[in-house]
Amino acid sequence: MLARWRAWHPWARLAPAAAVLIVALSSSGWKFGLAALYFLASLLAAFHRPWRSHSSALPGYLADWGGLLLCAGFTPVAGASVAAVLFLYLMASALLFRTALEVAALAAVLLPPWFLLRPDALPALGPAFGAGLALTVAGCWVRTRLLRQFAELVARELEAERQRLAADFHDGPLQAFSSLQIRLGIVSKLLERDPQAASEEVARLRELGKAQATEIRAFLDSLRNGPPTLDFRASLLALIRDFERESGLRVNLNGEAPGDWPGAAAAPEVLKIVREALHNVYKHAGAARVDVEFARSDRTVELIIRDDGAGFPFAGSYRLKELDALGVGPESIKRRVRAQGGELTVTSQPGAGSELRIRLPV
């Protein structure tokens, strides 16, 4: 919207500039010359494309104030009338493009000389100019404040989106490449001991590569078109099956996972939480057993991920706010749970396993 007004601004100036020129026809030569120069500059700003972007800049605004000062030398009635029109244009232009400080400073410097030259106009125009100036300064201050708040909001949204994309890449394609790296390590060991088993593992890696290429394409599609509609239970079972094949760990699924997660937008996030938790167990816990459990009530769905591994480097149970205050716990999972308006409790017994208990609203 501001860009549209910026484009129309030089054309709007032509009306007061033409009025100044017409009134100056009956004035002395130097006044007419200045009025003609002001009008020609306005024409150039309107028709000469490179100058249009400078029309709303401070030099153009100073030129408009110069036109107002010029009106003080015209005949009483005509000069006051054109000055009123030009003042309205000045205030409208200020509301769009100028700061409150610029408007107040220019008015404080240039309006007193105008009324000194035209004391007869003070009773009629003084109160109107004063009220218009006060409203304009207030409006400029409000506009500047709103624009600053909007810019801060956009910056926060961009940062949140940047963090979300980084987390999605970490939990999606990066996890896939990590799994591939782990499997390649297995192949390198098998090549020395059992070439036949290594060949079979390479064949499985080829299938894994195809699956990961499909996953990356789905990831890119989700960035372009938003998260797809999915069967949550089927996606969860596929995720667990892939994890078991890659890690060699057995995952016990307890409880009934919902087929369609309540709230389609949350389903991909919940799957990412499960995948991140399982990969953390494999990479850091050294567990022999992993349990994934679902429980549902009228208002919440509870997800529990429990393992018998090394646990976190702290003992006890901590909720989300306590984990944040202590600076511990799985950061990606905490961020995703927080974004979904859920609750997270992490229970850890170093050397005896850990439990993530996540409660999400339906």
Protein backbone atom coordinates (compact mmCIF):
# COMPACT_ATOMS: atom_id res chain seq x y z
CA MET A 1 0.00 0.00 0.00
CA LEU A 2 2.80 2.43 0.87
CA ALA A 3 4.49 1.67 -2.45
CA ARG A 4 1.24 2.51 -4.28
CA TRP A 5 0.97 5.86 -2.51
CA ARG A 6 4.63 6.51 -3.24
CA ALA A 7 3.90 6.00 -6.94
CA TRP A 8 0.94 8.41 -6.89
CA HIS A 9 2.65 11.00 -4.70
CA PRO A 10 4.40 12.99 -7.50
CA TRP A 11 1.14 13.23 -9.45
CA ALA A 12 -0.73 14.49 -6.37
CA ARG A 13 1.84 17.30 -6.00
CA LEU A 14 0.90 18.72 -9.40
CA ALA A 15 -2.43 20.10 -8.08
CA PRO A 16 -1.01 22.41 -5.36
CA ALA A 17 1.99 23.29 -7.58
CA ALA A 18 -0.36 24.32 -10.39
CA ALA A 19 -2.43 26.38 -7.93
CA VAL A 20 0.72 28.19 -6.74
CA LEU A 21 1.70 28.94 -10.36
CA ILE A 22 -1.75 30.26 -11.30
CA VAL A 23 -1.86 32.64 -8.32
CA ALA A 24 1.71 33.76 -9.09
CA LEU A 25 0.69 34.98 -12.58
CA SER A 26 -0.42 38.29 -11.09
CA SER A 27 2.70 38.65 -8.94
CA SER A 28 6.12 40.13 -9.56
CA GLY A 29 8.69 38.45 -11.76
CA TRP A 30 10.78 36.73 -9.08
CA LYS A 31 7.71 35.27 -7.36
CA PHE A 32 6.41 33.96 -10.66
CA GLY A 33 9.87 32.59 -11.45
CA LEU A 34 10.01 30.64 -8.18
CA ALA A 35 6.45 29.37 -8.66
CA ALA A 36 7.30 28.28 -12.23
CA LEU A 37 10.44 26.53 -10.97
CA TYR A 38 8.40 24.70 -8.32
CA PHE A 39 5.84 23.61 -10.91
CA LEU A 40 8.48 22.47 -13.39
CA ALA A 41 10.24 20.46 -10.67
CA SER A 42 6.89 18.85 -9.82
CA LEU A 43 6.32 18.03 -13.51
CA LEU A 44 9.77 16.51 -13.77
CA ALA A 45 9.18 14.41 -10.64
CA ALA A 46 5.91 13.14 -12.10
CA PHE A 47 7.02 12.38 -15.67
CA HIS A 48 10.72 11.56 -15.25
CA ARG A 49 10.82 8.02 -13.86
CA PRO A 50 14.23 8.24 -12.09
CA TRP A 51 12.96 11.26 -10.14
CA ARG A 52 9.73 9.61 -8.97
CA SER A 53 11.46 7.65 -6.24
CA HIS A 54 12.86 10.94 -4.86
CA SER A 55 9.50 12.71 -4.82
CA SER A 56 8.62 11.54 -1.32
CA ALA A 57 12.15 12.06 0.01
CA LEU A 58 13.08 14.90 2.37
CA PRO A 59 14.38 17.31 -0.38
CA GLY A 60 11.01 17.11 -2.13
CA TYR A 61 9.23 17.76 1.15
CA LEU A 62 11.43 20.83 1.76
CA ALA A 63 10.52 22.10 -1.72
CA ASP A 64 6.83 21.81 -0.80
CA TRP A 65 7.42 23.89 2.31
CA GLY A 66 9.18 26.42 0.08
CA GLY A 67 6.00 26.59 -2.00
CA LEU A 68 4.04 27.33 1.17
CA LEU A 69 6.42 30.16 2.09
CA LEU A 70 6.03 31.57 -1.42
CA CYS A 71 2.26 31.84 -0.84
CA ALA A 72 2.91 34.43 1.87
CA GLY A 73 3.85 36.96 -0.86
CA PHE A 74 0.63 36.60 -2.86
CA THR A 75 -2.58 38.62 -2.56
CA PRO A 76 -4.36 38.06 0.77
CA VAL A 77 -7.33 35.95 -0.32
CA ALA A 78 -5.63 33.96 -3.07
CA GLY A 79 -2.42 33.46 -1.08
CA ALA A 80 -4.28 32.21 1.99
CA SER A 81 -6.44 29.86 -0.09
CA VAL A 82 -3.50 28.29 -1.92
CA ALA A 83 -1.53 28.11 1.35
CA ALA A 84 -4.38 26.15 2.95
CA VAL A 85 -4.44 23.67 0.03
CA LEU A 86 -0.66 23.26 0.11
CA PHE A 87 -0.68 22.85 3.89
CA LEU A 88 -3.20 20.01 3.61
CA TYR A 89 -0.96 18.36 1.02
CA LEU A 90 2.06 18.81 3.29
CA MET A 91 0.28 17.18 6.22
CA ALA A 92 -1.01 14.29 4.10
CA SER A 93 2.47 13.73 2.68
CA ALA A 94 3.93 13.81 6.19
CA LEU A 95 1.48 11.17 7.42
CA LEU A 96 2.71 8.85 4.68
CA PHE A 97 6.45 9.44 4.57
CA ARG A 98 7.84 11.71 7.29
CA THR A 99 8.68 11.22 10.94
CA ALA A 100 7.09 13.22 13.72
CA LEU A 101 10.43 14.89 14.49
CA GLU A 102 10.93 16.04 10.88
CA VAL A 103 7.44 17.53 10.65
CA ALA A 104 7.63 19.27 14.03
CA ALA A 105 11.10 20.70 13.30
CA LEU A 106 10.19 22.04 9.84
CA ALA A 107 6.93 23.53 11.10
CA ALA A 108 8.70 25.19 14.03
CA VAL A 109 11.23 26.78 11.67
CA LEU A 110 9.00 27.74 8.72
CA LEU A 111 5.50 28.47 10.03
CA PRO A 112 6.45 31.44 12.27
CA PRO A 113 8.06 33.33 9.32
CA TRP A 114 4.97 32.64 7.21
CA PHE A 115 2.66 34.24 9.79
CA LEU A 116 5.12 37.09 10.33
CA LEU A 117 4.79 37.85 6.61
CA ARG A 118 1.03 37.34 6.70
CA PRO A 119 -0.25 38.43 10.13
CA ASP A 120 -3.69 39.02 8.61
CA ALA A 121 -4.07 35.25 8.02
CA LEU A 122 -3.25 34.31 11.63
CA PRO A 123 -6.86 34.51 12.98
CA ALA A 124 -8.23 32.36 10.16
CA LEU A 125 -5.39 29.92 9.45
CA GLY A 126 -3.49 29.86 12.76
CA PRO A 127 -5.89 27.58 14.70
CA ALA A 128 -6.45 25.35 11.65
CA PHE A 129 -2.73 25.01 10.95
CA GLY A 130 -2.01 24.35 14.64
CA ALA A 131 -4.68 21.63 14.96
CA GLY A 132 -3.64 20.04 11.66
CA LEU A 133 0.01 20.06 12.67
CA ALA A 134 -0.72 18.49 16.08
CA LEU A 135 -2.81 15.71 14.52
CA THR A 136 -0.18 15.09 11.87
CA VAL A 137 2.69 14.86 14.34
CA ALA A 138 0.67 12.43 16.45
CA GLY A 139 -0.22 10.40 13.37
CA CYS A 140 3.41 10.26 12.23
CA TRP A 141 4.48 9.06 15.67
CA VAL A 142 1.81 6.34 15.68
CA ARG A 143 2.70 5.26 12.13
CA THR A 144 6.41 5.06 12.96
CA ARG A 145 5.67 3.05 16.09
CA LEU A 146 3.37 0.65 14.23
CA LEU A 147 5.92 0.18 11.45
CA ARG A 148 8.63 -0.55 13.99
CA GLN A 149 6.41 -3.09 15.75
CA PHE A 150 5.52 -4.66 12.41
CA ALA A 151 9.19 -4.90 11.44
CA GLU A 152 9.98 -6.54 14.80
CA LEU A 153 7.09 -8.97 14.31
CA VAL A 154 8.31 -9.87 10.81
CA ALA A 155 11.84 -10.34 12.14
CA ARG A 156 10.55 -12.66 14.89
CA GLU A 157 8.46 -14.62 12.39
CA LEU A 158 11.42 -14.95 10.03
CA GLU A 159 13.63 -16.14 12.87
CA ALA A 160 10.98 -18.64 13.99
CA GLU A 161 10.63 -19.90 10.42
CA ARG A 162 14.40 -20.17 10.10
CA GLN A 163 14.54 -22.18 13.31
CA ARG A 164 11.65 -24.38 12.16
CA LEU A 165 13.32 -25.11 8.81
CA ALA A 166 16.61 -25.88 10.54
CA ALA A 167 14.84 -28.26 12.94
CA ASP A 168 12.86 -29.89 10.12
CA PHE A 169 16.06 -30.44 8.17
CA HIS A 170 17.76 -31.83 11.28
CA ASP A 171 14.90 -34.20 12.04
CA GLY A 172 14.29 -35.14 8.40
CA PRO A 173 17.01 -35.28 5.73
CA LEU A 174 19.88 -35.00 8.21
CA GLN A 175 18.58 -37.95 10.23
CA ALA A 176 18.30 -39.92 6.99
CA PHE A 177 21.92 -39.20 6.09
CA SER A 178 22.99 -40.10 9.63
CA SER A 179 21.28 -43.48 9.25
CA LEU A 180 23.01 -43.99 5.92
CA GLN A 181 26.37 -43.20 7.50
CA ILE A 182 25.75 -45.73 10.26
CA ARG A 183 24.82 -48.44 7.75
CA LEU A 184 27.91 -47.68 5.65
CA GLY A 185 30.01 -48.26 8.76
CA ILE A 186 28.38 -51.66 9.14
CA VAL A 187 29.15 -52.49 5.50
CA SER A 188 32.81 -51.55 5.89
CA LYS A 189 33.14 -54.00 8.79
CA LEU A 190 31.25 -56.76 6.97
CA LEU A 191 33.50 -56.47 3.92
CA GLU A 192 36.38 -57.77 6.01
CA ARG A 193 34.51 -60.62 7.72
CA ASP A 194 31.61 -61.64 5.47
CA PRO A 195 31.57 -60.33 1.86
CA GLN A 196 28.27 -62.09 1.16
CA ALA A 197 26.56 -60.35 4.09
CA ALA A 198 28.16 -57.07 2.98
CA SER A 199 26.67 -57.53 -0.51
CA GLU A 200 23.24 -58.09 1.01
CA GLU A 201 23.66 -55.02 3.18
CA VAL A 202 24.60 -52.96 0.10
CA ALA A 203 21.37 -54.10 -1.54
CA ARG A 204 19.46 -52.97 1.56
CA LEU A 205 21.36 -49.68 1.47
CA ARG A 206 20.24 -49.19 -2.11
CA GLU A 207 16.64 -49.56 -1.00
CA LEU A 208 17.29 -47.23 1.92
CA GLY A 209 18.73 -44.66 -0.47
CA LYS A 210 15.58 -44.81 -2.58
CA ALA A 211 13.41 -44.42 0.51
CA GLN A 212 15.45 -41.45 1.71
CA ALA A 213 15.26 -39.80 -1.73
CA THR A 214 11.47 -40.19 -1.51
CA GLU A 215 11.54 -38.70 1.99
CA ILE A 216 13.58 -35.70 0.86
CA ARG A 217 11.16 -35.10 -2.03
CA ALA A 218 8.29 -35.25 0.47
CA PHE A 219 10.18 -32.81 2.70
CA LEU A 220 10.58 -30.36 -0.19
CA ASP A 221 6.92 -30.78 -1.14
CA SER A 222 5.91 -29.98 2.43
CA LEU A 223 7.94 -26.76 2.24
CA ARG A 224 6.21 -25.76 -0.99
CA ASN A 225 2.65 -26.93 -0.31
CA GLY A 226 2.38 -27.44 3.44
CA PRO A 227 2.21 -30.73 5.36
CA PRO A 228 0.37 -33.51 3.50
CA THR A 229 -2.63 -35.38 4.87
CA LEU A 230 -1.40 -38.69 6.23
CA ASP A 231 -2.54 -41.82 8.00
CA PHE A 232 -0.88 -41.33 11.37
CA ARG A 233 -0.93 -44.96 12.47
CA ALA A 234 0.47 -46.25 9.17
CA SER A 235 3.17 -43.54 9.15
CA LEU A 236 4.11 -44.34 12.74
CA LEU A 237 4.40 -48.08 12.02
CA ALA A 238 6.54 -47.36 8.95
CA LEU A 239 8.76 -45.05 11.01
CA ILE A 240 9.23 -47.71 13.71
CA ARG A 241 9.87 -50.42 11.14
CA ASP A 242 12.55 -48.33 9.42
CA PHE A 243 14.16 -47.49 12.75
CA GLU A 244 14.27 -51.15 13.78
CA ARG A 245 15.87 -52.13 10.48
CA GLU A 246 18.48 -49.38 10.70
CA SER A 247 19.34 -49.67 14.39
CA GLY A 248 18.74 -53.32 15.20
CA LEU A 249 16.73 -52.25 18.27
CA ARG A 250 13.30 -53.67 18.99
CA VAL A 251 10.54 -51.10 19.54
CA ASN A 252 7.47 -52.24 21.49
CA LEU A 253 4.35 -50.26 20.56
CA ASN A 254 1.84 -50.28 23.40
CA GLY A 255 -1.63 -48.81 23.35
CA GLU A 256 -3.66 -47.82 20.32
CA ALA A 257 -2.01 -45.14 18.16
CA PRO A 258 -4.69 -42.92 16.60
CA GLY A 259 -5.25 -43.50 12.88
CA ASP A 260 -5.89 -39.81 12.23
CA TRP A 261 -4.09 -37.58 14.68
CA PRO A 262 -6.43 -34.92 16.13
CA GLY A 263 -5.45 -31.86 14.13
CA ALA A 264 -3.87 -32.66 10.77
CA ALA A 265 -1.15 -30.00 11.13
CA ALA A 266 0.12 -31.61 14.36
CA ALA A 267 0.52 -35.15 12.96
CA PRO A 268 3.85 -34.56 11.13
CA GLU A 269 5.21 -32.79 14.22
CA VAL A 270 4.32 -35.76 16.46
CA LEU A 271 6.01 -38.17 14.05
CA LYS A 272 9.12 -35.99 14.10
CA ILE A 273 9.07 -36.06 17.91
CA VAL A 274 8.91 -39.88 17.88
CA ARG A 275 11.67 -40.18 15.29
CA GLU A 276 13.94 -37.73 17.12
CA ALA A 277 13.38 -39.57 20.41
CA LEU A 278 14.14 -42.96 18.86
CA HIS A 279 17.30 -41.70 17.18
CA ASN A 280 18.44 -40.12 20.45
CA VAL A 281 17.97 -43.48 22.16
CA TYR A 282 20.03 -45.22 19.48
CA LYS A 283 22.82 -42.62 19.33
CA HIS A 284 23.20 -41.76 23.00
CA ALA A 285 21.46 -44.22 25.32
CA GLY A 286 22.96 -47.58 24.36
CA ALA A 287 19.57 -49.14 25.14
CA ALA A 288 18.49 -52.75 24.51
CA ARG A 289 14.76 -52.01 24.66
CA VAL A 290 12.49 -49.13 23.64
CA ASP A 291 8.77 -48.81 24.45
CA VAL A 292 6.41 -46.40 22.71
CA GLU A 293 2.99 -46.03 24.31
CA PHE A 294 -0.13 -44.04 23.50
CA ALA A 295 -3.01 -43.17 25.80
CA ARG A 296 -5.96 -40.93 24.91
CA SER A 297 -8.57 -39.04 26.90
CA ASP A 298 -11.29 -36.62 25.83
CA ARG A 299 -8.93 -33.65 25.85
CA THR A 300 -5.40 -35.00 25.42
CA VAL A 301 -3.29 -37.62 23.74
CA GLU A 302 -0.38 -38.88 25.82
CA LEU A 303 2.77 -40.24 24.19
CA ILE A 304 5.36 -42.09 26.29
CA ILE A 305 8.80 -43.14 25.01
CA ARG A 306 10.75 -45.25 27.49
CA ASP A 307 14.15 -46.97 27.21
CA ASP A 308 16.51 -48.95 29.43
CA GLY A 309 19.69 -47.18 28.36
CA ALA A 310 22.14 -44.78 29.97
CA GLY A 311 19.59 -42.05 30.72
CA PHE A 312 20.22 -38.31 30.76
CA PRO A 313 23.06 -36.74 32.77
CA PHE A 314 20.61 -35.85 35.55
CA ALA A 315 18.32 -37.78 37.88
CA GLY A 316 14.66 -37.20 38.64
CA SER A 317 11.58 -35.92 36.80
CA TYR A 318 11.43 -32.44 35.30
CA ARG A 319 8.73 -30.65 33.36
CA LEU A 320 9.25 -28.38 30.36
CA LYS A 321 9.76 -25.12 32.26
CA GLU A 322 12.16 -26.79 34.68
CA LEU A 323 14.14 -28.32 31.80
CA ASP A 324 14.41 -24.89 30.17
CA ALA A 325 15.53 -23.30 33.43
CA LEU A 326 18.20 -25.98 33.92
CA GLY A 327 19.24 -25.95 30.26
CA VAL A 328 18.87 -29.73 29.90
CA GLY A 329 16.72 -32.11 27.90
CA PRO A 330 16.25 -32.75 24.17
CA GLU A 331 16.07 -29.27 22.61
CA SER A 332 14.31 -30.21 19.36
CA ILE A 333 11.62 -32.19 21.17
CA LYS A 334 11.11 -29.41 23.72
CA ARG A 335 10.66 -26.87 20.95
CA ARG A 336 8.15 -29.00 19.07
CA VAL A 337 6.11 -29.81 22.19
CA ARG A 338 6.06 -26.13 23.13
CA ALA A 339 4.92 -25.15 19.62
CA GLN A 340 1.99 -27.59 19.90
CA GLY A 341 0.92 -26.21 23.27
CA GLY A 342 1.75 -29.51 24.96
CA GLU A 343 3.45 -30.65 28.15
CA LEU A 344 6.69 -32.60 28.45
CA THR A 345 8.05 -34.48 31.44
CA VAL A 346 11.49 -36.09 31.27
CA THR A 347 12.34 -38.75 33.85
CA SER A 348 15.93 -39.93 33.99
CA GLN A 349 17.80 -42.52 36.04
CA PRO A 350 21.45 -42.42 34.95
CA GLY A 351 22.51 -45.94 34.04
CA ALA A 352 18.94 -47.24 34.27
CA GLY A 353 17.07 -45.54 31.43
CA SER A 354 14.83 -42.56 30.76
CA GLU A 355 11.25 -41.71 29.92
CA LEU A 356 9.71 -38.93 27.83
CA ARG A 357 6.08 -38.31 28.69
CA ILE A 358 4.41 -35.92 26.24
CA ARG A 359 0.83 -34.73 26.65
CA LEU A 360 -0.68 -32.91 23.67
CA PRO A 361 -4.10 -31.26 23.46
CA VAL A 362 -6.76 -32.80 21.23
